[in-house]
């Protein structure tokens, strides 16, 4: 891996054992070289929100530690990228997962609730699926953010267009292309949020596709 991504072996050893922070560049380099994982989740494109958190500061390791300590930090104010969701999902322990569940239920901002749900979904624990679905069905603001994110990452529309499609899926610029991409989302085993959003949007697109 050191040879493939051009980082020294001692440095990668420190990162992998948690003695040095993992930057987003390291995570992306690993994703690039490891190739598809599961349903190719890591290689999917990111959302186009202009304030998507890149987490250079604080580092990803510091952010994971903060979540574990019960402090959401920047998760309360900025949408996360897929790389960050996956990194946090792999790093937070039982306590951190507990905090994420609580933030999904009672987070003070819709951004925090949506971010917590996204990370929890990437952890792919069956026991969390009912909570994820309940939140998407009952929390209108989180549902809207999740749907807009789904459209954004699949179609790479600008954020305003993605929000418009989330509000009225039938207005999607290219509904057949979106439907094709959503069909794959509904088959994912390891992301309940994407499965739910895919099914929801497909249902809303049916009247347009039937014309």
C-alpha atoms as a PDB file:
ATOM      1  CA  UNK A   1       0.000   0.000   0.000  1.00  0.00           C
ATOM      2  CA  UNK A   2       2.881   2.344   0.792  1.00  0.00           C
ATOM      3  CA  UNK A   3       4.267   1.834  -2.706  1.00  0.00           C
ATOM      4  CA  UNK A   4       0.862   2.221  -4.361  1.00  0.00           C
ATOM      5  CA  UNK A   5      -0.184   5.479  -2.717  1.00  0.00           C
ATOM      6  CA  UNK A   6       3.287   7.037  -2.226  1.00  0.00           C
ATOM      7  CA  UNK A   7       3.169   7.400   1.552  1.00  0.00           C
ATOM      8  CA  UNK A   8       5.954   5.980   3.714  1.00  0.00           C
ATOM      9  CA  UNK A   9       5.385   2.642   5.415  1.00  0.00           C
ATOM     10  CA  UNK A  10       6.134   4.009   8.928  1.00  0.00           C
ATOM     11  CA  UNK A  11       3.643   6.841   8.397  1.00  0.00           C
ATOM     12  CA  UNK A  12       0.875   4.498   7.247  1.00  0.00           C
ATOM     13  CA  UNK A  13       1.600   2.266  10.226  1.00  0.00           C
ATOM     14  CA  UNK A  14       1.037   5.205  12.565  1.00  0.00           C
ATOM     15  CA  UNK A  15      -2.212   6.119  10.796  1.00  0.00           C
ATOM     16  CA  UNK A  16      -3.551   2.569  10.855  1.00  0.00           C
ATOM     17  CA  UNK A  17      -2.824   2.213  14.576  1.00  0.00           C
ATOM     18  CA  UNK A  18      -4.411   5.571  15.387  1.00  0.00           C
ATOM     19  CA  UNK A  19      -1.173   7.255  16.435  1.00  0.00           C
ATOM     20  CA  UNK A  20      -1.371   9.763  13.575  1.00  0.00           C
ATOM     21  CA  UNK A  21      -4.547  11.364  12.219  1.00  0.00           C
ATOM     22  CA  UNK A  22      -6.041  10.045   9.000  1.00  0.00           C
ATOM     23  CA  UNK A  23      -6.552  12.907   6.586  1.00  0.00           C
ATOM     24  CA  UNK A  24      -9.195  12.839   3.894  1.00  0.00           C
ATOM     25  CA  UNK A  25      -6.391  12.453   1.303  1.00  0.00           C
ATOM     26  CA  UNK A  26      -5.291   9.207   2.978  1.00  0.00           C
ATOM     27  CA  UNK A  27      -8.854   7.869   2.988  1.00  0.00           C
ATOM     28  CA  UNK A  28      -9.342   8.709  -0.678  1.00  0.00           C
ATOM     29  CA  UNK A  29      -5.991   7.125  -1.596  1.00  0.00           C
ATOM     30  CA  UNK A  30      -6.976   3.892   0.152  1.00  0.00           C
ATOM     31  CA  UNK A  31     -10.373   3.905  -1.569  1.00  0.00           C
ATOM     32  CA  UNK A  32      -8.721   4.381  -4.957  1.00  0.00           C
ATOM     33  CA  UNK A  33      -6.353   1.454  -4.532  1.00  0.00           C
ATOM     34  CA  UNK A  34      -8.627  -0.987  -2.704  1.00  0.00           C
ATOM     35  CA  UNK A  35     -11.196  -0.813  -5.463  1.00  0.00           C
ATOM     36  CA  UNK A  36     -14.894  -1.645  -5.064  1.00  0.00           C
ATOM     37  CA  UNK A  37     -15.937  -2.652  -1.567  1.00  0.00           C
ATOM     38  CA  UNK A  38     -19.271  -4.407  -1.134  1.00  0.00           C
ATOM     39  CA  UNK A  39     -21.652  -2.560  -3.431  1.00  0.00           C
ATOM     40  CA  UNK A  40     -18.953  -0.160  -4.641  1.00  0.00           C
ATOM     41  CA  UNK A  41     -20.116   2.250  -1.970  1.00  0.00           C
ATOM     42  CA  UNK A  42     -16.817   4.041  -1.502  1.00  0.00           C
ATOM     43  CA  UNK A  43     -16.348   4.894  -5.155  1.00  0.00           C
ATOM     44  CA  UNK A  44     -19.691   6.603  -5.571  1.00  0.00           C
ATOM     45  CA  UNK A  45     -19.671  10.300  -6.262  1.00  0.00           C
ATOM     46  CA  UNK A  46     -20.196  12.803  -3.476  1.00  0.00           C
ATOM     47  CA  UNK A  47     -22.915  15.369  -2.955  1.00  0.00           C
ATOM     48  CA  UNK A  48     -22.581  18.772  -4.582  1.00  0.00           C
ATOM     49  CA  UNK A  49     -23.507  20.865  -1.542  1.00  0.00           C
ATOM     50  CA  UNK A  50     -21.192  23.919  -1.561  1.00  0.00           C
ATOM     51  CA  UNK A  51     -20.412  23.535   2.152  1.00  0.00           C
ATOM     52  CA  UNK A  52     -19.745  19.794   2.181  1.00  0.00           C
ATOM     53  CA  UNK A  53     -17.351  19.066   5.046  1.00  0.00           C
ATOM     54  CA  UNK A  54     -13.903  17.986   3.900  1.00  0.00           C
ATOM     55  CA  UNK A  55     -12.579  17.660   7.453  1.00  0.00           C
ATOM     56  CA  UNK A  56      -9.000  18.717   6.967  1.00  0.00           C
ATOM     57  CA  UNK A  57      -9.450  20.608  10.241  1.00  0.00           C
ATOM     58  CA  UNK A  58     -10.345  18.984  12.505  1.00  0.00           C
ATOM     59  CA  UNK A  59      -8.764  15.791  11.222  1.00  0.00           C
ATOM     60  CA  UNK A  60     -10.975  12.777  10.716  1.00  0.00           C
ATOM     61  CA  UNK A  61      -9.453  11.024  13.721  1.00  0.00           C
ATOM     62  CA  UNK A  62     -10.198  14.022  15.937  1.00  0.00           C
ATOM     63  CA  UNK A  63     -13.745  14.133  14.633  1.00  0.00           C
ATOM     64  CA  UNK A  64     -14.253  10.427  15.385  1.00  0.00           C
ATOM     65  CA  UNK A  65     -12.898  10.981  18.894  1.00  0.00           C
ATOM     66  CA  UNK A  66     -15.245  13.928  19.366  1.00  0.00           C
ATOM     67  CA  UNK A  67     -18.245  11.808  18.337  1.00  0.00           C
ATOM     68  CA  UNK A  68     -17.164   9.114  20.778  1.00  0.00           C
ATOM     69  CA  UNK A  69     -17.057  11.706  23.549  1.00  0.00           C
ATOM     70  CA  UNK A  70     -20.562  12.927  22.780  1.00  0.00           C
ATOM     71  CA  UNK A  71     -19.589  16.166  21.043  1.00  0.00           C
ATOM     72  CA  UNK A  72     -20.891  16.375  17.442  1.00  0.00           C
ATOM     73  CA  UNK A  73     -18.660  19.348  16.619  1.00  0.00           C
ATOM     74  CA  UNK A  74     -18.893  20.270  12.949  1.00  0.00           C
ATOM     75  CA  UNK A  75     -21.479  17.536  12.309  1.00  0.00           C
ATOM     76  CA  UNK A  76     -24.066  19.976  13.662  1.00  0.00           C
ATOM     77  CA  UNK A  77     -23.387  22.638  11.068  1.00  0.00           C
ATOM     78  CA  UNK A  78     -21.939  21.216   7.823  1.00  0.00           C
ATOM     79  CA  UNK A  79     -23.013  18.284   5.607  1.00  0.00           C
ATOM     80  CA  UNK A  80     -20.494  15.459   5.482  1.00  0.00           C
ATOM     81  CA  UNK A  81     -18.956  13.801   2.442  1.00  0.00           C
ATOM     82  CA  UNK A  82     -19.293  10.069   1.795  1.00  0.00           C
ATOM     83  CA  UNK A  83     -15.634   9.544   2.694  1.00  0.00           C
ATOM     84  CA  UNK A  84     -16.207  11.093   6.098  1.00  0.00           C
ATOM     85  CA  UNK A  85     -19.392   9.068   6.661  1.00  0.00           C
ATOM     86  CA  UNK A  86     -17.543   5.834   5.921  1.00  0.00           C
ATOM     87  CA  UNK A  87     -14.523   6.819   7.976  1.00  0.00           C
ATOM     88  CA  UNK A  88     -16.617   7.689  11.024  1.00  0.00           C
ATOM     89  CA  UNK A  89     -18.675   4.528  10.565  1.00  0.00           C
ATOM     90  CA  UNK A  90     -15.481   2.459  10.735  1.00  0.00           C
ATOM     91  CA  UNK A  91     -13.940   4.355  13.654  1.00  0.00           C
ATOM     92  CA  UNK A  92     -16.651   5.149  16.198  1.00  0.00           C
ATOM     93  CA  UNK A  93     -17.174   2.525  18.877  1.00  0.00           C
ATOM     94  CA  UNK A  94     -20.231   1.519  20.892  1.00  0.00           C
ATOM     95  CA  UNK A  95     -20.384   4.824  22.760  1.00  0.00           C
ATOM     96  CA  UNK A  96     -20.092   6.819  19.564  1.00  0.00           C
ATOM     97  CA  UNK A  97     -22.841   4.735  17.947  1.00  0.00           C
ATOM     98  CA  UNK A  98     -25.029   5.464  20.942  1.00  0.00           C
ATOM     99  CA  UNK A  99     -24.480   9.186  20.521  1.00  0.00           C
ATOM    100  CA  UNK A 100     -25.293   8.937  16.814  1.00  0.00           C
ATOM    101  CA  UNK A 101     -28.582   7.202  17.611  1.00  0.00           C
ATOM    102  CA  UNK A 102     -29.481   9.912  20.111  1.00  0.00           C
ATOM    103  CA  UNK A 103     -28.614  12.663  17.618  1.00  0.00           C
ATOM    104  CA  UNK A 104     -30.798  11.004  14.972  1.00  0.00           C
ATOM    105  CA  UNK A 105     -33.701  11.226  17.440  1.00  0.00           C
ATOM    106  CA  UNK A 106     -33.095  14.567  19.150  1.00  0.00           C
ATOM    107  CA  UNK A 107     -30.252  16.424  17.404  1.00  0.00           C
ATOM    108  CA  UNK A 108     -30.756  20.184  17.689  1.00  0.00           C
ATOM    109  CA  UNK A 109     -30.214  20.845  13.981  1.00  0.00           C
ATOM    110  CA  UNK A 110     -31.550  19.007  10.961  1.00  0.00           C
ATOM    111  CA  UNK A 111     -27.969  18.905   9.646  1.00  0.00           C
ATOM    112  CA  UNK A 112     -26.832  17.024  12.749  1.00  0.00           C
ATOM    113  CA  UNK A 113     -29.742  14.593  12.558  1.00  0.00           C
ATOM    114  CA  UNK A 114     -29.094  13.974   8.836  1.00  0.00           C
ATOM    115  CA  UNK A 115     -25.331  13.539   9.333  1.00  0.00           C
ATOM    116  CA  UNK A 116     -25.828  11.177  12.266  1.00  0.00           C
ATOM    117  CA  UNK A 117     -28.312   9.136  10.231  1.00  0.00           C
ATOM    118  CA  UNK A 118     -25.903   8.950   7.270  1.00  0.00           C
ATOM    119  CA  UNK A 119     -23.028   7.681   9.432  1.00  0.00           C
ATOM    120  CA  UNK A 120     -25.266   5.250  11.291  1.00  0.00           C
ATOM    121  CA  UNK A 121     -26.536   3.915   7.970  1.00  0.00           C
ATOM    122  CA  UNK A 122     -22.966   3.332   6.747  1.00  0.00           C
ATOM    123  CA  UNK A 123     -22.304   1.243   9.872  1.00  0.00           C
ATOM    124  CA  UNK A 124     -24.785  -1.250   8.361  1.00  0.00           C
ATOM    125  CA  UNK A 125     -26.117  -2.676  11.617  1.00  0.00           C
ATOM    126  CA  UNK A 126     -29.447  -4.434  11.253  1.00  0.00           C
ATOM    127  CA  UNK A 127     -30.591  -3.258  14.667  1.00  0.00           C
ATOM    128  CA  UNK A 128     -30.368   0.371  13.500  1.00  0.00           C
ATOM    129  CA  UNK A 129     -32.535  -0.057  10.392  1.00  0.00           C
ATOM    130  CA  UNK A 130     -35.868   0.571  12.191  1.00  0.00           C
ATOM    131  CA  UNK A 131     -34.536   3.833  13.648  1.00  0.00           C
ATOM    132  CA  UNK A 132     -33.203   4.964  10.251  1.00  0.00           C
ATOM    133  CA  UNK A 133     -36.512   4.226   8.531  1.00  0.00           C
ATOM    134  CA  UNK A 134     -38.548   5.820  11.322  1.00  0.00           C
ATOM    135  CA  UNK A 135     -36.502   9.003  11.071  1.00  0.00           C
ATOM    136  CA  UNK A 136     -36.837   9.193   7.285  1.00  0.00           C
ATOM    137  CA  UNK A 137     -40.591   8.640   7.524  1.00  0.00           C
ATOM    138  CA  UNK A 138     -41.301  11.094  10.358  1.00  0.00           C
ATOM    139  CA  UNK A 139     -38.599  13.791  10.282  1.00  0.00           C
ATOM    140  CA  UNK A 140     -39.524  15.946   7.286  1.00  0.00           C
ATOM    141  CA  UNK A 141     -36.312  17.995   7.331  1.00  0.00           C
ATOM    142  CA  UNK A 142     -34.017  14.962   7.497  1.00  0.00           C
ATOM    143  CA  UNK A 143     -36.002  13.239   4.759  1.00  0.00           C
ATOM    144  CA  UNK A 144     -35.636  16.309   2.536  1.00  0.00           C
ATOM    145  CA  UNK A 145     -31.864  16.512   3.122  1.00  0.00           C
ATOM    146  CA  UNK A 146     -31.426  12.781   2.518  1.00  0.00           C
ATOM    147  CA  UNK A 147     -33.452  12.867  -0.701  1.00  0.00           C
ATOM    148  CA  UNK A 148     -31.605  15.924  -1.985  1.00  0.00           C
ATOM    149  CA  UNK A 149     -28.279  14.273  -1.177  1.00  0.00           C
ATOM    150  CA  UNK A 150     -29.341  11.121  -3.005  1.00  0.00           C
ATOM    151  CA  UNK A 151     -30.246  13.060  -6.149  1.00  0.00           C
ATOM    152  CA  UNK A 152     -27.098  15.179  -5.884  1.00  0.00           C
ATOM    153  CA  UNK A 153     -24.650  12.286  -5.609  1.00  0.00           C
ATOM    154  CA  UNK A 154     -26.322  10.216  -8.335  1.00  0.00           C
ATOM    155  CA  UNK A 155     -26.877  12.954 -10.904  1.00  0.00           C
ATOM    156  CA  UNK A 156     -24.287  15.552  -9.871  1.00  0.00           C
ATOM    157  CA  UNK A 157     -26.852  18.321 -10.238  1.00  0.00           C
ATOM    158  CA  UNK A 158     -26.061  21.543  -8.416  1.00  0.00           C
ATOM    159  CA  UNK A 159     -27.482  21.651  -4.895  1.00  0.00           C
ATOM    160  CA  UNK A 160     -30.418  23.948  -5.733  1.00  0.00           C
ATOM    161  CA  UNK A 161     -31.551  21.634  -8.535  1.00  0.00           C
ATOM    162  CA  UNK A 162     -31.142  18.617  -6.256  1.00  0.00           C
ATOM    163  CA  UNK A 163     -33.347  20.257  -3.631  1.00  0.00           C
ATOM    164  CA  UNK A 164     -35.982  21.042  -6.244  1.00  0.00           C
ATOM    165  CA  UNK A 165     -36.040  17.404  -7.379  1.00  0.00           C
ATOM    166  CA  UNK A 166     -36.267  16.235  -3.748  1.00  0.00           C
ATOM    167  CA  UNK A 167     -39.370  18.416  -3.326  1.00  0.00           C
ATOM    168  CA  UNK A 168     -40.938  17.358  -6.625  1.00  0.00           C
ATOM    169  CA  UNK A 169     -39.234  14.267  -8.143  1.00  0.00           C
ATOM    170  CA  UNK A 170     -41.411  14.447 -11.249  1.00  0.00           C
ATOM    171  CA  UNK A 171     -39.579  17.669 -12.217  1.00  0.00           C
ATOM    172  CA  UNK A 172     -36.214  15.868 -12.503  1.00  0.00           C
ATOM    173  CA  UNK A 173     -34.268  17.062 -15.590  1.00  0.00           C
ATOM    174  CA  UNK A 174     -33.572  13.509 -16.754  1.00  0.00           C
ATOM    175  CA  UNK A 175     -36.068  11.250 -14.930  1.00  0.00           C
ATOM    176  CA  UNK A 176     -35.187   8.034 -16.771  1.00  0.00           C
ATOM    177  CA  UNK A 177     -31.486   8.367 -16.018  1.00  0.00           C
ATOM    178  CA  UNK A 178     -32.298   9.129 -12.386  1.00  0.00           C
ATOM    179  CA  UNK A 179     -34.643   6.137 -12.190  1.00  0.00           C
ATOM    180  CA  UNK A 180     -31.954   3.829 -13.578  1.00  0.00           C
ATOM    181  CA  UNK A 181     -29.485   5.009 -10.939  1.00  0.00           C
ATOM    182  CA  UNK A 182     -32.082   4.747  -8.174  1.00  0.00           C
ATOM    183  CA  UNK A 183     -32.844   1.138  -9.081  1.00  0.00           C
ATOM    184  CA  UNK A 184     -29.304   0.214  -8.034  1.00  0.00           C
ATOM    185  CA  UNK A 185     -29.723   2.092  -4.754  1.00  0.00           C
ATOM    186  CA  UNK A 186     -32.755   0.032  -3.799  1.00  0.00           C
ATOM    187  CA  UNK A 187     -30.653  -3.142  -4.033  1.00  0.00           C
ATOM    188  CA  UNK A 188     -27.919  -2.029  -1.624  1.00  0.00           C
ATOM    189  CA  UNK A 189     -27.331  -4.323   1.340  1.00  0.00           C
ATOM    190  CA  UNK A 190     -25.181  -1.965   3.366  1.00  0.00           C
ATOM    191  CA  UNK A 191     -26.939   1.405   3.348  1.00  0.00           C
ATOM    192  CA  UNK A 192     -30.519   1.564   4.613  1.00  0.00           C
ATOM    193  CA  UNK A 193     -30.734   5.309   3.986  1.00  0.00           C
ATOM    194  CA  UNK A 194     -29.898   4.974   0.282  1.00  0.00           C
ATOM    195  CA  UNK A 195     -32.261   2.001  -0.077  1.00  0.00           C
ATOM    196  CA  UNK A 196     -35.152   3.937   1.447  1.00  0.00           C
ATOM    197  CA  UNK A 197     -34.466   7.108  -0.528  1.00  0.00           C
ATOM    198  CA  UNK A 198     -34.100   5.123  -3.740  1.00  0.00           C
ATOM    199  CA  UNK A 199     -37.453   3.398  -3.262  1.00  0.00           C
ATOM    200  CA  UNK A 200     -39.183   6.649  -2.283  1.00  0.00           C
ATOM    201  CA  UNK A 201     -37.921   8.576  -5.294  1.00  0.00           C
ATOM    202  CA  UNK A 202     -38.668   5.735  -7.699  1.00  0.00           C
ATOM    203  CA  UNK A 203     -42.263   5.635  -6.497  1.00  0.00           C
ATOM    204  CA  UNK A 204     -42.584   9.389  -7.072  1.00  0.00           C
ATOM    205  CA  UNK A 205     -41.110   9.054 -10.582  1.00  0.00           C
ATOM    206  CA  UNK A 206     -43.575   6.375 -11.736  1.00  0.00           C
ATOM    207  CA  UNK A 207     -46.132   8.843 -13.192  1.00  0.00           C
ATOM    208  CA  UNK A 208     -43.431  10.528 -15.310  1.00  0.00           C
ATOM    209  CA  UNK A 209     -41.837   7.263 -16.489  1.00  0.00           C
ATOM    210  CA  UNK A 210     -45.192   5.927 -17.617  1.00  0.00           C
ATOM    211  CA  UNK A 211     -45.757   8.744 -20.114  1.00  0.00           C
END
